[in-house]
C-alpha atoms as a PDB file:
ATOM      1  CA  MET A   1       0.000   0.000   0.000  1.00  0.00           C
ATOM      2  CA  GLU A   2       1.371   3.409  -0.949  1.00  0.00           C
ATOM      3  CA  GLU A   3       1.505   5.951   1.822  1.00  0.00           C
ATOM      4  CA  LYS A   4       1.709   9.698   2.148  1.00  0.00           C
ATOM      5  CA  ILE A   5       3.221  11.615   5.018  1.00  0.00           C
ATOM      6  CA  ILE A   6       1.825  14.874   6.316  1.00  0.00           C
ATOM      7  CA  THR A   7       4.153  17.276   8.107  1.00  0.00           C
ATOM      8  CA  PHE A   8       3.017  20.158  10.309  1.00  0.00           C
ATOM      9  CA  THR A   9       5.758  22.728  10.941  1.00  0.00           C
ATOM     10  CA  HIS A  10       4.910  25.139  13.755  1.00  0.00           C
ATOM     11  CA  ALA A  11       6.875  27.432  16.060  1.00  0.00           C
ATOM     12  CA  GLY A  12       6.576  24.664  18.688  1.00  0.00           C
ATOM     13  CA  GLY A  13       8.185  22.025  16.468  1.00  0.00           C
ATOM     14  CA  VAL A  14       7.463  19.514  13.726  1.00  0.00           C
ATOM     15  CA  LYS A  15       4.836  16.755  13.836  1.00  0.00           C
ATOM     16  CA  LYS A  16       4.361  14.016  11.245  1.00  0.00           C
ATOM     17  CA  ALA A  17       1.761  11.363  10.508  1.00  0.00           C
ATOM     18  CA  SER A  18       1.380   8.776   7.729  1.00  0.00           C
ATOM     19  CA  PHE A  19      -1.779   7.756   5.930  1.00  0.00           C
ATOM     20  CA  ALA A  20      -2.821   5.688   2.931  1.00  0.00           C
ATOM     21  CA  THR A  21      -2.694   7.430  -0.435  1.00  0.00           C
ATOM     22  CA  SER A  22      -6.349   6.487  -0.933  1.00  0.00           C
ATOM     23  CA  ASP A  23      -7.266   8.720   2.050  1.00  0.00           C
ATOM     24  CA  ILE A  24      -5.615  11.880   0.700  1.00  0.00           C
ATOM     25  CA  GLN A  25      -8.816  13.576  -0.455  1.00  0.00           C
ATOM     26  CA  SER A  26     -10.439  13.011   2.935  1.00  0.00           C
ATOM     27  CA  PHE A  27      -7.422  14.565   4.713  1.00  0.00           C
ATOM     28  CA  LYS A  28      -7.328  17.540   2.369  1.00  0.00           C
ATOM     29  CA  THR A  29     -11.048  18.155   2.883  1.00  0.00           C
ATOM     30  CA  SER A  30     -10.727  17.983   6.684  1.00  0.00           C
ATOM     31  CA  ILE A  31      -7.705  20.281   6.746  1.00  0.00           C
ATOM     32  CA  ASP A  32      -9.423  22.754   4.413  1.00  0.00           C
ATOM     33  CA  LYS A  33     -12.463  22.831   6.724  1.00  0.00           C
ATOM     34  CA  CYS A  34     -10.186  23.480   9.724  1.00  0.00           C
ATOM     35  CA  LEU A  35      -8.422  26.310   7.921  1.00  0.00           C
ATOM     36  CA  LYS A  36     -11.801  27.882   7.092  1.00  0.00           C
ATOM     37  CA  GLY A  37     -13.020  27.468  10.681  1.00  0.00           C
ATOM     38  CA  GLU A  38     -15.786  25.025   9.684  1.00  0.00           C
ATOM     39  CA  LEU A  39     -14.198  22.184  11.684  1.00  0.00           C
ATOM     40  CA  HIS A  40     -12.703  22.671  15.159  1.00  0.00           C
ATOM     41  CA  ALA A  41      -9.979  19.999  15.010  1.00  0.00           C
ATOM     42  CA  ILE A  42      -8.698  16.845  13.338  1.00  0.00           C
ATOM     43  CA  THR A  43      -7.199  13.736  14.912  1.00  0.00           C
ATOM     44  CA  LEU A  44      -4.256  11.902  13.363  1.00  0.00           C
ATOM     45  CA  THR A  45      -2.362   8.812  14.482  1.00  0.00           C
ATOM     46  CA  ASP A  46       1.420   9.011  14.124  1.00  0.00           C
ATOM     47  CA  ASP A  47       3.695   6.144  13.080  1.00  0.00           C
ATOM     48  CA  ASP A  48       4.085   5.094  16.740  1.00  0.00           C
ATOM     49  CA  GLY A  49       0.316   4.671  17.134  1.00  0.00           C
ATOM     50  CA  VAL A  50      -0.167   7.814  19.220  1.00  0.00           C
ATOM     51  CA  ASP A  51      -3.340   9.809  18.523  1.00  0.00           C
ATOM     52  CA  SER A  52      -2.912  13.581  18.406  1.00  0.00           C
ATOM     53  CA  ILE A  53      -5.550  16.282  18.162  1.00  0.00           C
ATOM     54  CA  TYR A  54      -4.734  19.223  15.911  1.00  0.00           C
ATOM     55  CA  PRO A  55      -7.024  22.207  16.675  1.00  0.00           C
ATOM     56  CA  SER A  56      -7.968  24.495  13.798  1.00  0.00           C
ATOM     57  CA  LEU A  57      -6.072  27.418  15.370  1.00  0.00           C
ATOM     58  CA  TYR A  58      -2.895  25.291  15.451  1.00  0.00           C
ATOM     59  CA  LEU A  59      -3.366  24.308  11.796  1.00  0.00           C
ATOM     60  CA  GLN A  60      -3.953  27.927  10.781  1.00  0.00           C
ATOM     61  CA  ASN A  61      -0.485  28.755  12.134  1.00  0.00           C
ATOM     62  CA  CYS A  62       1.358  25.804  10.548  1.00  0.00           C
ATOM     63  CA  HIS A  63       3.131  25.114   7.325  1.00  0.00           C
ATOM     64  CA  ILE A  64       1.454  21.929   6.069  1.00  0.00           C
ATOM     65  CA  GLU A  65       3.150  19.624   3.573  1.00  0.00           C
ATOM     66  CA  ILE A  66       1.864  16.343   2.137  1.00  0.00           C
ATOM     67  CA  LYS A  67       4.273  14.150   0.182  1.00  0.00           C
ATOM     68  CA  ASP A  68       5.031  10.535  -0.678  1.00  0.00           C
ATOM     69  CA  LYS A  69       6.400   8.471   2.195  1.00  0.00           C
ATOM     70  CA  LEU A  70       9.764   7.043   1.291  1.00  0.00           C
ATOM     71  CA  VAL A  71      10.498   3.587   2.592  1.00  0.00           C
ATOM     72  CA  ARG A  72      14.164   2.970   3.240  1.00  0.00           C
ATOM     73  CA  HIS A  73      15.512  -0.544   3.070  1.00  0.00           C
ATOM     74  CA  ARG A  74      18.736  -1.533   4.758  1.00  0.00           C
ATOM     75  CA  ASN A  75      21.144  -3.829   3.011  1.00  0.00           C
ATOM     76  CA  LEU A  76      21.624  -6.931   5.102  1.00  0.00           C
END
């Protein structure tokens, strides 16, 4: 399954979460609603399985980037 990674860069630091490529439109719609103030927050689960709530005010003050998740393989 192909994955995307979303990165939130804020004055308080950087947060990242992965999601399936098939879910990208749903994420974009939710983020857009937060930025417009139509939705109060979104919840994302990071790669460690920790749920985080991202309030709309936080998202309005972030740089948001969505890109392909690169999988690195080690040579054994």
